[in-house]
Amino acid sequence: DEAGEFLLASDAVAVEANLREGYAPKNSWDLEKAANAVLEVRKIEER
């Protein structure tokens, strides 16, 4: 109600640098899908 929306990203975006620079960590099961997930999370942040 007061603080607004939060996305609990867990390891979809492990550290902020992943989101700002648009890459996935090396310990990803599927690097391409993980990078796409980072981009989708960025859209949620933009909202």
ModelCIF file with pLDDT and N, C-alpha, C, O atoms, coordinates in Angstrom:
data_MODEL
#
_entry.id   MODEL 
#
_entity.id                         1 
_entity.type                       polymer 
_entity.pdbx_number_of_molecules   1 
#
_entity_poly.entity_id                      1 
_entity_poly.type                           'polypeptide(L)' 
_entity_poly.nstd_linkage                   no 
_entity_poly.nstd_monomer                   no 
_entity_poly.pdbx_seq_one_letter_code       DEAGEFLLASDAVAVEANLREGYAPKNSWDLEKAANAVLEVRKIEER 
_entity_poly.pdbx_seq_one_letter_code_can   DEAGEFLLASDAVAVEANLREGYAPKNSWDLEKAANAVLEVRKIEER 
_entity_poly.pdbx_strand_id                 A 
#
loop_
_entity_poly_seq.entity_id 
_entity_poly_seq.num 
_entity_poly_seq.mon_id 
_entity_poly_seq.hetero 
1 1  ASP n 
1 2  GLU n 
1 3  ALA n 
1 4  GLY n 
1 5  GLU n 
1 6  PHE n 
1 7  LEU n 
1 8  LEU n 
1 9  ALA n 
1 10 SER n 
1 11 ASP n 
1 12 ALA n 
1 13 VAL n 
1 14 ALA n 
1 15 VAL n 
1 16 GLU n 
1 17 ALA n 
1 18 ASN n 
1 19 LEU n 
1 20 ARG n 
1 21 GLU n 
1 22 GLY n 
1 23 TYR n 
1 24 ALA n 
1 25 PRO n 
1 26 LYS n 
1 27 ASN n 
1 28 SER n 
1 29 TRP n 
1 30 ASP n 
1 31 LEU n 
1 32 GLU n 
1 33 LYS n 
1 34 ALA n 
1 35 ALA n 
1 36 ASN n 
1 37 ALA n 
1 38 VAL n 
1 39 LEU n 
1 40 GLU n 
1 41 VAL n 
1 42 ARG n 
1 43 LYS n 
1 44 ILE n 
1 45 GLU n 
1 46 GLU n 
1 47 ARG n 
#
_struct_asym.id          A 
_struct_asym.entity_id   1 
#
loop_
_ma_qa_metric.id 
_ma_qa_metric.mode 
_ma_qa_metric.name 
_ma_qa_metric.software_group_id 
_ma_qa_metric.type 
1 global pLDDT . pLDDT 
2 local  pLDDT . pLDDT 
#
_ma_qa_metric_global.metric_id      1 
_ma_qa_metric_global.metric_value   96.21 
_ma_qa_metric_global.model_id       1 
_ma_qa_metric_global.ordinal_id     1 
#
loop_
_ma_qa_metric_local.label_asym_id 
_ma_qa_metric_local.label_comp_id 
_ma_qa_metric_local.label_seq_id 
_ma_qa_metric_local.metric_id 
_ma_qa_metric_local.metric_value 
_ma_qa_metric_local.model_id 
_ma_qa_metric_local.ordinal_id 
A ASP 1  2 97.00 1 1  
A GLU 2  2 97.00 1 2  
A ALA 3  2 97.00 1 3  
A GLY 4  2 97.00 1 4  
A GLU 5  2 98.00 1 5  
A PHE 6  2 98.00 1 6  
A LEU 7  2 98.00 1 7  
A LEU 8  2 98.00 1 8  
A ALA 9  2 98.00 1 9  
A SER 10 2 98.00 1 10 
A ASP 11 2 98.00 1 11 
A ALA 12 2 98.00 1 12 
A VAL 13 2 98.00 1 13 
A ALA 14 2 97.00 1 14 
A VAL 15 2 97.00 1 15 
A GLU 16 2 97.00 1 16 
A ALA 17 2 96.00 1 17 
A ASN 18 2 95.00 1 18 
A LEU 19 2 96.00 1 19 
A ARG 20 2 95.00 1 20 
A GLU 21 2 94.00 1 21 
A GLY 22 2 91.00 1 22 
A TYR 23 2 92.00 1 23 
A ALA 24 2 92.00 1 24 
A PRO 25 2 94.00 1 25 
A LYS 26 2 92.00 1 26 
A ASN 27 2 93.00 1 27 
A SER 28 2 95.00 1 28 
A TRP 29 2 96.00 1 29 
A ASP 30 2 96.00 1 30 
A LEU 31 2 94.00 1 31 
A GLU 32 2 96.00 1 32 
A LYS 33 2 97.00 1 33 
A ALA 34 2 97.00 1 34 
A ALA 35 2 96.00 1 35 
A ASN 36 2 96.00 1 36 
A ALA 37 2 97.00 1 37 
A VAL 38 2 97.00 1 38 
A LEU 39 2 96.00 1 39 
A GLU 40 2 97.00 1 40 
A VAL 41 2 98.00 1 41 
A ARG 42 2 97.00 1 42 
A LYS 43 2 97.00 1 43 
A ILE 44 2 98.00 1 44 
A GLU 45 2 98.00 1 45 
A GLU 46 2 97.00 1 46 
A ARG 47 2 96.00 1 47 
#
loop_
_atom_site.group_PDB 
_atom_site.id 
_atom_site.type_symbol 
_atom_site.label_atom_id 
_atom_site.label_alt_id 
_atom_site.label_comp_id 
_atom_site.label_asym_id 
_atom_site.label_entity_id 
_atom_site.label_seq_id 
_atom_site.pdbx_PDB_ins_code 
_atom_site.Cartn_x 
_atom_site.Cartn_y 
_atom_site.Cartn_z 
_atom_site.occupancy 
_atom_site.B_iso_or_equiv 
_atom_site.pdbx_formal_charge 
_atom_site.auth_seq_id 
_atom_site.auth_comp_id 
_atom_site.auth_asym_id 
_atom_site.auth_atom_id 
_atom_site.pdbx_PDB_model_num 
ATOM 1   N N  . ASP A 1 1  ? 0.813  -1.221  0.000   1.00 97.00 ? 1  ASP A N  1 
ATOM 2   C CA . ASP A 1 1  ? 0.000  0.000   0.000   1.00 97.00 ? 1  ASP A CA 1 
ATOM 3   C C  . ASP A 1 1  ? 0.843  1.266   0.000   1.00 97.00 ? 1  ASP A C  1 
ATOM 4   O O  . ASP A 1 1  ? 0.564  2.195   -0.758  1.00 97.00 ? 1  ASP A O  1 
ATOM 5   N N  . GLU A 1 2  ? 1.860  1.314   0.831   1.00 97.00 ? 2  GLU A N  1 
ATOM 6   C CA . GLU A 1 2  ? 2.651  2.538   0.986   1.00 97.00 ? 2  GLU A CA 1 
ATOM 7   C C  . GLU A 1 2  ? 3.931  2.517   0.144   1.00 97.00 ? 2  GLU A C  1 
ATOM 8   O O  . GLU A 1 2  ? 4.262  3.515   -0.495  1.00 97.00 ? 2  GLU A O  1 
ATOM 9   N N  . ALA A 1 3  ? 4.631  1.423   0.139   1.00 97.00 ? 3  ALA A N  1 
ATOM 10  C CA . ALA A 1 3  ? 5.947  1.362   -0.512  1.00 97.00 ? 3  ALA A CA 1 
ATOM 11  C C  . ALA A 1 3  ? 5.869  1.072   -2.004  1.00 97.00 ? 3  ALA A C  1 
ATOM 12  O O  . ALA A 1 3  ? 6.863  1.230   -2.712  1.00 97.00 ? 3  ALA A O  1 
ATOM 13  N N  . GLY A 1 4  ? 4.705  0.650   -2.495  1.00 97.00 ? 4  GLY A N  1 
ATOM 14  C CA . GLY A 1 4  ? 4.551  0.388   -3.922  1.00 97.00 ? 4  GLY A CA 1 
ATOM 15  C C  . GLY A 1 4  ? 4.924  -1.031  -4.303  1.00 97.00 ? 4  GLY A C  1 
ATOM 16  O O  . GLY A 1 4  ? 4.845  -1.943  -3.480  1.00 97.00 ? 4  GLY A O  1 
ATOM 17  N N  . GLU A 1 5  ? 5.334  -1.220  -5.556  1.00 98.00 ? 5  GLU A N  1 
ATOM 18  C CA . GLU A 1 5  ? 5.623  -2.554  -6.068  1.00 98.00 ? 5  GLU A CA 1 
ATOM 19  C C  . GLU A 1 5  ? 7.103  -2.916  -5.932  1.00 98.00 ? 5  GLU A C  1 
ATOM 20  O O  . GLU A 1 5  ? 7.993  -2.089  -6.130  1.00 98.00 ? 5  GLU A O  1 
ATOM 21  N N  . PHE A 1 6  ? 7.323  -4.168  -5.592  1.00 98.00 ? 6  PHE A N  1 
ATOM 22  C CA . PHE A 1 6  ? 8.665  -4.745  -5.526  1.00 98.00 ? 6  PHE A CA 1 
ATOM 23  C C  . PHE A 1 6  ? 8.663  -6.033  -6.337  1.00 98.00 ? 6  PHE A C  1 
ATOM 24  O O  . PHE A 1 6  ? 7.723  -6.823  -6.253  1.00 98.00 ? 6  PHE A O  1 
ATOM 25  N N  . LEU A 1 7  ? 9.705  -6.244  -7.114  1.00 98.00 ? 7  LEU A N  1 
ATOM 26  C CA . LEU A 1 7  ? 9.890  -7.538  -7.762  1.00 98.00 ? 7  LEU A CA 1 
ATOM 27  C C  . LEU A 1 7  ? 11.003 -8.269  -7.036  1.00 98.00 ? 7  LEU A C  1 
ATOM 28  O O  . LEU A 1 7  ? 12.154 -7.832  -7.040  1.00 98.00 ? 7  LEU A O  1 
ATOM 29  N N  . LEU A 1 8  ? 10.652 -9.384  -6.411  1.00 98.00 ? 8  LEU A N  1 
ATOM 30  C CA . LEU A 1 8  ? 11.651 -10.241 -5.769  1.00 98.00 ? 8  LEU A CA 1 
ATOM 31  C C  . LEU A 1 8  ? 12.258 -11.091 -6.866  1.00 98.00 ? 8  LEU A C  1 
ATOM 32  O O  . LEU A 1 8  ? 11.681 -12.101 -7.270  1.00 98.00 ? 8  LEU A O  1 
ATOM 33  N N  . ALA A 1 9  ? 13.423 -10.683 -7.350  1.00 98.00 ? 9  ALA A N  1 
ATOM 34  C CA . ALA A 1 9  ? 13.981 -11.258 -8.569  1.00 98.00 ? 9  ALA A CA 1 
ATOM 35  C C  . ALA A 1 9  ? 14.749 -12.552 -8.328  1.00 98.00 ? 9  ALA A C  1 
ATOM 36  O O  . ALA A 1 9  ? 14.934 -13.341 -9.255  1.00 98.00 ? 9  ALA A O  1 
ATOM 37  N N  . SER A 1 10 ? 15.199 -12.781 -7.098  1.00 98.00 ? 10 SER A N  1 
ATOM 38  C CA . SER A 1 10 ? 16.032 -13.945 -6.818  1.00 98.00 ? 10 SER A CA 1 
ATOM 39  C C  . SER A 1 10 ? 17.157 -14.008 -7.851  1.00 98.00 ? 10 SER A C  1 
ATOM 40  O O  . SER A 1 10 ? 17.750 -12.979 -8.175  1.00 98.00 ? 10 SER A O  1 
ATOM 41  N N  . ASP A 1 11 ? 17.456 -15.190 -8.368  1.00 98.00 ? 11 ASP A N  1 
ATOM 42  C CA . ASP A 1 11 ? 18.583 -15.314 -9.291  1.00 98.00 ? 11 ASP A CA 1 
ATOM 43  C C  . ASP A 1 11 ? 18.214 -15.054 -10.742 1.00 98.00 ? 11 ASP A C  1 
ATOM 44  O O  . ASP A 1 11 ? 19.041 -15.257 -11.632 1.00 98.00 ? 11 ASP A O  1 
ATOM 45  N N  . ALA A 1 12 ? 16.987 -14.610 -11.000 1.00 98.00 ? 12 ALA A N  1 
ATOM 46  C CA . ALA A 1 12 ? 16.685 -14.103 -12.346 1.00 98.00 ? 12 ALA A CA 1 
ATOM 47  C C  . ALA A 1 12 ? 17.536 -12.876 -12.625 1.00 98.00 ? 12 ALA A C  1 
ATOM 48  O O  . ALA A 1 12 ? 17.940 -12.638 -13.764 1.00 98.00 ? 12 ALA A O  1 
ATOM 49  N N  . VAL A 1 13 ? 17.812 -12.086 -11.572 1.00 98.00 ? 13 VAL A N  1 
ATOM 50  C CA . VAL A 1 13 ? 18.770 -10.976 -11.639 1.00 98.00 ? 13 VAL A CA 1 
ATOM 51  C C  . VAL A 1 13 ? 19.524 -10.989 -10.311 1.00 98.00 ? 13 VAL A C  1 
ATOM 52  O O  . VAL A 1 13 ? 19.055 -10.437 -9.315  1.00 98.00 ? 13 VAL A O  1 
ATOM 53  N N  . ALA A 1 14 ? 20.670 -11.610 -10.308 1.00 97.00 ? 14 ALA A N  1 
ATOM 54  C CA . ALA A 1 14 ? 21.385 -11.848 -9.052  1.00 97.00 ? 14 ALA A CA 1 
ATOM 55  C C  . ALA A 1 14 ? 22.009 -10.591 -8.463  1.00 97.00 ? 14 ALA A C  1 
ATOM 56  O O  . ALA A 1 14 ? 21.957 -10.379 -7.252  1.00 97.00 ? 14 ALA A O  1 
ATOM 57  N N  . VAL A 1 15 ? 22.601 -9.752  -9.319  1.00 97.00 ? 15 VAL A N  1 
ATOM 58  C CA . VAL A 1 15 ? 23.235 -8.521  -8.854  1.00 97.00 ? 15 VAL A CA 1 
ATOM 59  C C  . VAL A 1 15 ? 22.821 -7.373  -9.776  1.00 97.00 ? 15 VAL A C  1 
ATOM 60  O O  . VAL A 1 15 ? 22.437 -7.592  -10.925 1.00 97.00 ? 15 VAL A O  1 
ATOM 61  N N  . GLU A 1 16 ? 22.905 -6.166  -9.264  1.00 97.00 ? 16 GLU A N  1 
ATOM 62  C CA . GLU A 1 16 ? 22.417 -5.015  -10.022 1.00 97.00 ? 16 GLU A CA 1 
ATOM 63  C C  . GLU A 1 16 ? 23.130 -4.847  -11.359 1.00 97.00 ? 16 GLU A C  1 
ATOM 64  O O  . GLU A 1 16 ? 22.522 -4.411  -12.336 1.00 97.00 ? 16 GLU A O  1 
ATOM 65  N N  . ALA A 1 17 ? 24.417 -5.191  -11.407 1.00 96.00 ? 17 ALA A N  1 
ATOM 66  C CA . ALA A 1 17 ? 25.165 -5.040  -12.656 1.00 96.00 ? 17 ALA A CA 1 
ATOM 67  C C  . ALA A 1 17 ? 24.543 -5.845  -13.788 1.00 96.00 ? 17 ALA A C  1 
ATOM 68  O O  . ALA A 1 17 ? 24.613 -5.435  -14.947 1.00 96.00 ? 17 ALA A O  1 
ATOM 69  N N  . ASN A 1 18 ? 23.935 -6.983  -13.469 1.00 95.00 ? 18 ASN A N  1 
ATOM 70  C CA . ASN A 1 18 ? 23.247 -7.766  -14.504 1.00 95.00 ? 18 ASN A CA 1 
ATOM 71  C C  . ASN A 1 18 ? 22.161 -6.934  -15.165 1.00 95.00 ? 18 ASN A C  1 
ATOM 72  O O  . ASN A 1 18 ? 22.016 -6.943  -16.387 1.00 95.00 ? 18 ASN A O  1 
ATOM 73  N N  . LEU A 1 19 ? 21.402 -6.215  -14.350 1.00 96.00 ? 19 LEU A N  1 
ATOM 74  C CA . LEU A 1 19 ? 20.286 -5.417  -14.869 1.00 96.00 ? 19 LEU A CA 1 
ATOM 75  C C  . LEU A 1 19 ? 20.771 -4.199  -15.628 1.00 96.00 ? 19 LEU A C  1 
ATOM 76  O O  . LEU A 1 19 ? 20.256 -3.891  -16.703 1.00 96.00 ? 19 LEU A O  1 
ATOM 77  N N  . ARG A 1 20 ? 21.755 -3.503  -15.084 1.00 95.00 ? 20 ARG A N  1 
ATOM 78  C CA . ARG A 1 20 ? 22.219 -2.261  -15.704 1.00 95.00 ? 20 ARG A CA 1 
ATOM 79  C C  . ARG A 1 20 ? 22.962 -2.525  -17.018 1.00 95.00 ? 20 ARG A C  1 
ATOM 80  O O  . ARG A 1 20 ? 22.864 -1.749  -17.969 1.00 95.00 ? 20 ARG A O  1 
ATOM 81  N N  . GLU A 1 21 ? 23.707 -3.636  -17.051 1.00 94.00 ? 21 GLU A N  1 
ATOM 82  C CA . GLU A 1 21 ? 24.536 -3.915  -18.228 1.00 94.00 ? 21 GLU A CA 1 
ATOM 83  C C  . GLU A 1 21 ? 23.929 -4.971  -19.147 1.00 94.00 ? 21 GLU A C  1 
ATOM 84  O O  . GLU A 1 21 ? 24.451 -5.222  -20.233 1.00 94.00 ? 21 GLU A O  1 
ATOM 85  N N  . GLY A 1 22 ? 22.829 -5.591  -18.716 1.00 91.00 ? 22 GLY A N  1 
ATOM 86  C CA . GLY A 1 22 ? 22.072 -6.480  -19.582 1.00 91.00 ? 22 GLY A CA 1 
ATOM 87  C C  . GLY A 1 22 ? 22.708 -7.812  -19.899 1.00 91.00 ? 22 GLY A C  1 
ATOM 88  O O  . GLY A 1 22 ? 22.605 -8.289  -21.029 1.00 91.00 ? 22 GLY A O  1 
ATOM 89  N N  . TYR A 1 23 ? 23.364 -8.425  -18.930 1.00 92.00 ? 23 TYR A N  1 
ATOM 90  C CA . TYR A 1 23 ? 23.961 -9.742  -19.167 1.00 92.00 ? 23 TYR A CA 1 
ATOM 91  C C  . TYR A 1 23 ? 23.551 -10.704 -18.053 1.00 92.00 ? 23 TYR A C  1 
ATOM 92  O O  . TYR A 1 23 ? 23.121 -10.288 -16.977 1.00 92.00 ? 23 TYR A O  1 
ATOM 93  N N  . ALA A 1 24 ? 23.694 -11.985 -18.335 1.00 92.00 ? 24 ALA A N  1 
ATOM 94  C CA . ALA A 1 24 ? 23.385 -13.022 -17.357 1.00 92.00 ? 24 ALA A CA 1 
ATOM 95  C C  . ALA A 1 24 ? 24.664 -13.580 -16.755 1.00 92.00 ? 24 ALA A C  1 
ATOM 96  O O  . ALA A 1 24 ? 25.685 -13.625 -17.442 1.00 92.00 ? 24 ALA A O  1 
ATOM 97  N N  . PRO A 1 25 ? 24.646 -14.007 -15.499 1.00 94.00 ? 25 PRO A N  1 
ATOM 98  C CA . PRO A 1 25 ? 25.832 -14.609 -14.880 1.00 94.00 ? 25 PRO A CA 1 
ATOM 99  C C  . PRO A 1 25 ? 26.216 -15.930 -15.545 1.00 94.00 ? 25 PRO A C  1 
ATOM 100 O O  . PRO A 1 25 ? 25.418 -16.551 -16.247 1.00 94.00 ? 25 PRO A O  1 
ATOM 101 N N  . LYS A 1 26 ? 27.455 -16.335 -15.304 1.00 92.00 ? 26 LYS A N  1 
ATOM 102 C CA . LYS A 1 26 ? 27.960 -17.567 -15.907 1.00 92.00 ? 26 LYS A CA 1 
ATOM 103 C C  . LYS A 1 26 ? 27.253 -18.816 -15.377 1.00 92.00 ? 26 LYS A C  1 
ATOM 104 O O  . LYS A 1 26 ? 27.227 -19.841 -16.059 1.00 92.00 ? 26 LYS A O  1 
ATOM 105 N N  . ASN A 1 27 ? 26.685 -18.750 -14.185 1.00 93.00 ? 27 ASN A N  1 
ATOM 106 C CA . ASN A 1 27 ? 26.063 -19.939 -13.600 1.00 93.00 ? 27 ASN A CA 1 
ATOM 107 C C  . ASN A 1 27 ? 24.605 -20.083 -14.016 1.00 93.00 ? 27 ASN A C  1 
ATOM 108 O O  . ASN A 1 27 ? 23.778 -20.556 -13.235 1.00 93.00 ? 27 ASN A O  1 
ATOM 109 N N  . SER A 1 28 ? 24.288 -19.679 -15.238 1.00 95.00 ? 28 SER A N  1 
ATOM 110 C CA . SER A 1 28 ? 22.930 -19.793 -15.770 1.00 95.00 ? 28 SER A CA 1 
ATOM 111 C C  . SER A 1 28 ? 22.759 -21.122 -16.493 1.00 95.00 ? 28 SER A C  1 
ATOM 112 O O  . SER A 1 28 ? 23.664 -21.570 -17.197 1.00 95.00 ? 28 SER A O  1 
ATOM 113 N N  . TRP A 1 29 ? 21.615 -21.743 -16.324 1.00 96.00 ? 29 TRP A N  1 
ATOM 114 C CA . TRP A 1 29 ? 21.279 -22.978 -17.045 1.00 96.00 ? 29 TRP A CA 1 
ATOM 115 C C  . TRP A 1 29 ? 21.215 -22.736 -18.544 1.00 96.00 ? 29 TRP A C  1 
ATOM 116 O O  . TRP A 1 29 ? 21.703 -23.553 -19.325 1.00 96.00 ? 29 TRP A O  1 
ATOM 117 N N  . ASP A 1 30 ? 20.611 -21.609 -18.959 1.00 96.00 ? 30 ASP A N  1 
ATOM 118 C CA . ASP A 1 30 ? 20.492 -21.240 -20.376 1.00 96.00 ? 30 ASP A CA 1 
ATOM 119 C C  . ASP A 1 30 ? 20.806 -19.754 -20.479 1.00 96.00 ? 30 ASP A C  1 
ATOM 120 O O  . ASP A 1 30 ? 19.985 -18.916 -20.105 1.00 96.00 ? 30 ASP A O  1 
ATOM 121 N N  . LEU A 1 31 ? 21.996 -19.421 -20.987 1.00 94.00 ? 31 LEU A N  1 
ATOM 122 C CA . LEU A 1 31 ? 22.446 -18.031 -20.994 1.00 94.00 ? 31 LEU A CA 1 
ATOM 123 C C  . LEU A 1 31 ? 21.539 -17.131 -21.819 1.00 94.00 ? 31 LEU A C  1 
ATOM 124 O O  . LEU A 1 31 ? 21.295 -15.987 -21.435 1.00 94.00 ? 31 LEU A O  1 
ATOM 125 N N  . GLU A 1 32 ? 21.037 -17.624 -22.942 1.00 96.00 ? 32 GLU A N  1 
ATOM 126 C CA . GLU A 1 32 ? 20.170 -16.794 -23.778 1.00 96.00 ? 32 GLU A CA 1 
ATOM 127 C C  . GLU A 1 32 ? 18.849 -16.492 -23.070 1.00 96.00 ? 32 GLU A C  1 
ATOM 128 O O  . GLU A 1 32 ? 18.396 -15.348 -23.057 1.00 96.00 ? 32 GLU A O  1 
ATOM 129 N N  . LYS A 1 33 ? 18.241 -17.510 -22.489 1.00 97.00 ? 33 LYS A N  1 
ATOM 130 C CA . LYS A 1 33 ? 16.991 -17.285 -21.766 1.00 97.00 ? 33 LYS A CA 1 
ATOM 131 C C  . LYS A 1 33 ? 17.218 -16.406 -20.539 1.00 97.00 ? 33 LYS A C  1 
ATOM 132 O O  . LYS A 1 33 ? 16.384 -15.562 -20.209 1.00 97.00 ? 33 LYS A O  1 
ATOM 133 N N  . ALA A 1 34 ? 18.344 -16.606 -19.869 1.00 97.00 ? 34 ALA A N  1 
ATOM 134 C CA . ALA A 1 34 ? 18.648 -15.792 -18.695 1.00 97.00 ? 34 ALA A CA 1 
ATOM 135 C C  . ALA A 1 34 ? 18.833 -14.329 -19.065 1.00 97.00 ? 34 ALA A C  1 
ATOM 136 O O  . ALA A 1 34 ? 18.391 -13.444 -18.333 1.00 97.00 ? 34 ALA A O  1 
ATOM 137 N N  . ALA A 1 35 ? 19.480 -14.065 -20.190 1.00 96.00 ? 35 ALA A N  1 
ATOM 138 C CA . ALA A 1 35 ? 19.647 -12.685 -20.656 1.00 96.00 ? 35 ALA A CA 1 
ATOM 139 C C  . ALA A 1 35 ? 18.303 -12.073 -21.027 1.00 96.00 ? 35 ALA A C  1 
ATOM 140 O O  . ALA A 1 35 ? 18.064 -10.896 -20.757 1.00 96.00 ? 35 ALA A O  1 
ATOM 141 N N  . ASN A 1 36 ? 17.428 -12.857 -21.640 1.00 96.00 ? 36 ASN A N  1 
ATOM 142 C CA . ASN A 1 36 ? 16.083 -12.371 -21.957 1.00 96.00 ? 36 ASN A CA 1 
ATOM 143 C C  . ASN A 1 36 ? 15.304 -12.057 -20.687 1.00 96.00 ? 36 ASN A C  1 
ATOM 144 O O  . ASN A 1 36 ? 14.553 -11.082 -20.638 1.00 96.00 ? 36 ASN A O  1 
ATOM 145 N N  . ALA A 1 37 ? 15.483 -12.883 -19.661 1.00 97.00 ? 37 ALA A N  1 
ATOM 146 C CA . ALA A 1 37 ? 14.819 -12.630 -18.386 1.00 97.00 ? 37 ALA A CA 1 
ATOM 147 C C  . ALA A 1 37 ? 15.256 -11.300 -17.791 1.00 97.00 ? 37 ALA A C  1 
ATOM 148 O O  . ALA A 1 37 ? 14.440 -10.559 -17.244 1.00 97.00 ? 37 ALA A O  1 
ATOM 149 N N  . VAL A 1 38 ? 16.542 -11.001 -17.900 1.00 97.00 ? 38 VAL A N  1 
ATOM 150 C CA . VAL A 1 38 ? 17.054 -9.718  -17.398 1.00 97.00 ? 38 VAL A CA 1 
ATOM 151 C C  . VAL A 1 38 ? 16.362 -8.557  -18.113 1.00 97.00 ? 38 VAL A C  1 
ATOM 152 O O  . VAL A 1 38 ? 15.990 -7.569  -17.480 1.00 97.00 ? 38 VAL A O  1 
ATOM 153 N N  . LEU A 1 39 ? 16.194 -8.674  -19.419 1.00 96.00 ? 39 LEU A N  1 
ATOM 154 C CA . LEU A 1 39 ? 15.527 -7.614  -20.182 1.00 96.00 ? 39 LEU A CA 1 
ATOM 155 C C  . LEU A 1 39 ? 14.068 -7.463  -19.767 1.00 96.00 ? 39 LEU A C  1 
ATOM 156 O O  . LEU A 1 39 ? 13.558 -6.345  -19.700 1.00 96.00 ? 39 LEU A O  1 
ATOM 157 N N  . GLU A 1 40 ? 13.391 -8.578  -19.488 1.00 97.00 ? 40 GLU A N  1 
ATOM 158 C CA . GLU A 1 40 ? 11.993 -8.511  -19.058 1.00 97.00 ? 40 GLU A CA 1 
ATOM 159 C C  . GLU A 1 40 ? 11.873 -7.892  -17.663 1.00 97.00 ? 40 GLU A C  1 
ATOM 160 O O  . GLU A 1 40 ? 10.931 -7.150  -17.386 1.00 97.00 ? 40 GLU A O  1 
ATOM 161 N N  . VAL A 1 41 ? 12.821 -8.198  -16.801 1.00 98.00 ? 41 VAL A N  1 
ATOM 162 C CA . VAL A 1 41 ? 12.817 -7.583  -15.469 1.00 98.00 ? 41 VAL A CA 1 
ATOM 163 C C  . VAL A 1 41 ? 13.045 -6.080  -15.588 1.00 98.00 ? 41 VAL A C  1 
ATOM 164 O O  . VAL A 1 41 ? 12.463 -5.301  -14.834 1.00 98.00 ? 41 VAL A O  1 
ATOM 165 N N  . ARG A 1 42 ? 13.878 -5.677  -16.517 1.00 97.00 ? 42 ARG A N  1 
ATOM 166 C CA . ARG A 1 42 ? 14.118 -4.243  -16.727 1.00 97.00 ? 42 ARG A CA 1 
ATOM 167 C C  . ARG A 1 42 ? 12.818 -3.531  -17.105 1.00 97.00 ? 42 ARG A C  1 
ATOM 168 O O  . ARG A 1 42 ? 12.593 -2.395  -16.686 1.00 97.00 ? 42 ARG A O  1 
ATOM 169 N N  . LYS A 1 43 ? 11.968 -4.182  -17.886 1.00 97.00 ? 43 LYS A N  1 
ATOM 170 C CA . LYS A 1 43 ? 10.676 -3.585  -18.256 1.00 97.00 ? 43 LYS A CA 1 
ATOM 171 C C  . LYS A 1 43 ? 9.792  -3.384  -17.033 1.00 97.00 ? 43 LYS A C  1 
ATOM 172 O O  . LYS A 1 43 ? 9.073  -2.390  -16.930 1.00 97.00 ? 43 LYS A O  1 
ATOM 173 N N  . ILE A 1 44 ? 9.851  -4.329  -16.118 1.00 98.00 ? 44 ILE A N  1 
ATOM 174 C CA . ILE A 1 44 ? 9.068  -4.202  -14.887 1.00 98.00 ? 44 ILE A CA 1 
ATOM 175 C C  . ILE A 1 44 ? 9.591  -3.040  -14.053 1.00 98.00 ? 44 ILE A C  1 
ATOM 176 O O  . ILE A 1 44 ? 8.809  -2.297  -13.460 1.00 98.00 ? 44 ILE A O  1 
ATOM 177 N N  . GLU A 1 45 ? 10.902 -2.883  -14.007 1.00 98.00 ? 45 GLU A N  1 
ATOM 178 C CA . GLU A 1 45 ? 11.483 -1.742  -13.296 1.00 98.00 ? 45 GLU A CA 1 
ATOM 179 C C  . GLU A 1 45 ? 11.049 -0.431  -13.938 1.00 98.00 ? 45 GLU A C  1 
ATOM 180 O O  . GLU A 1 45 ? 10.751 0.535   -13.236 1.00 98.00 ? 45 GLU A O  1 
ATOM 181 N N  . GLU A 1 46 ? 11.011 -0.390  -15.249 1.00 97.00 ? 46 GLU A N  1 
ATOM 182 C CA . GLU A 1 46 ? 10.628 0.835   -15.958 1.00 97.00 ? 46 GLU A CA 1 
ATOM 183 C C  . GLU A 1 46 ? 9.183  1.220   -15.681 1.00 97.00 ? 46 GLU A C  1 
ATOM 184 O O  . GLU A 1 46 ? 8.812  2.384   -15.830 1.00 97.00 ? 46 GLU A O  1 
ATOM 185 N N  . ARG A 1 47 ? 8.369  0.255   -15.281 1.00 96.00 ? 47 ARG A N  1 
ATOM 186 C CA . ARG A 1 47 ? 6.975  0.546   -14.921 1.00 96.00 ? 47 ARG A CA 1 
ATOM 187 C C  . ARG A 1 47 ? 6.854  1.030   -13.482 1.00 96.00 ? 47 ARG A C  1 
ATOM 188 O O  . ARG A 1 47 ? 5.751  1.319   -13.019 1.00 96.00 ? 47 ARG A O  1 
#
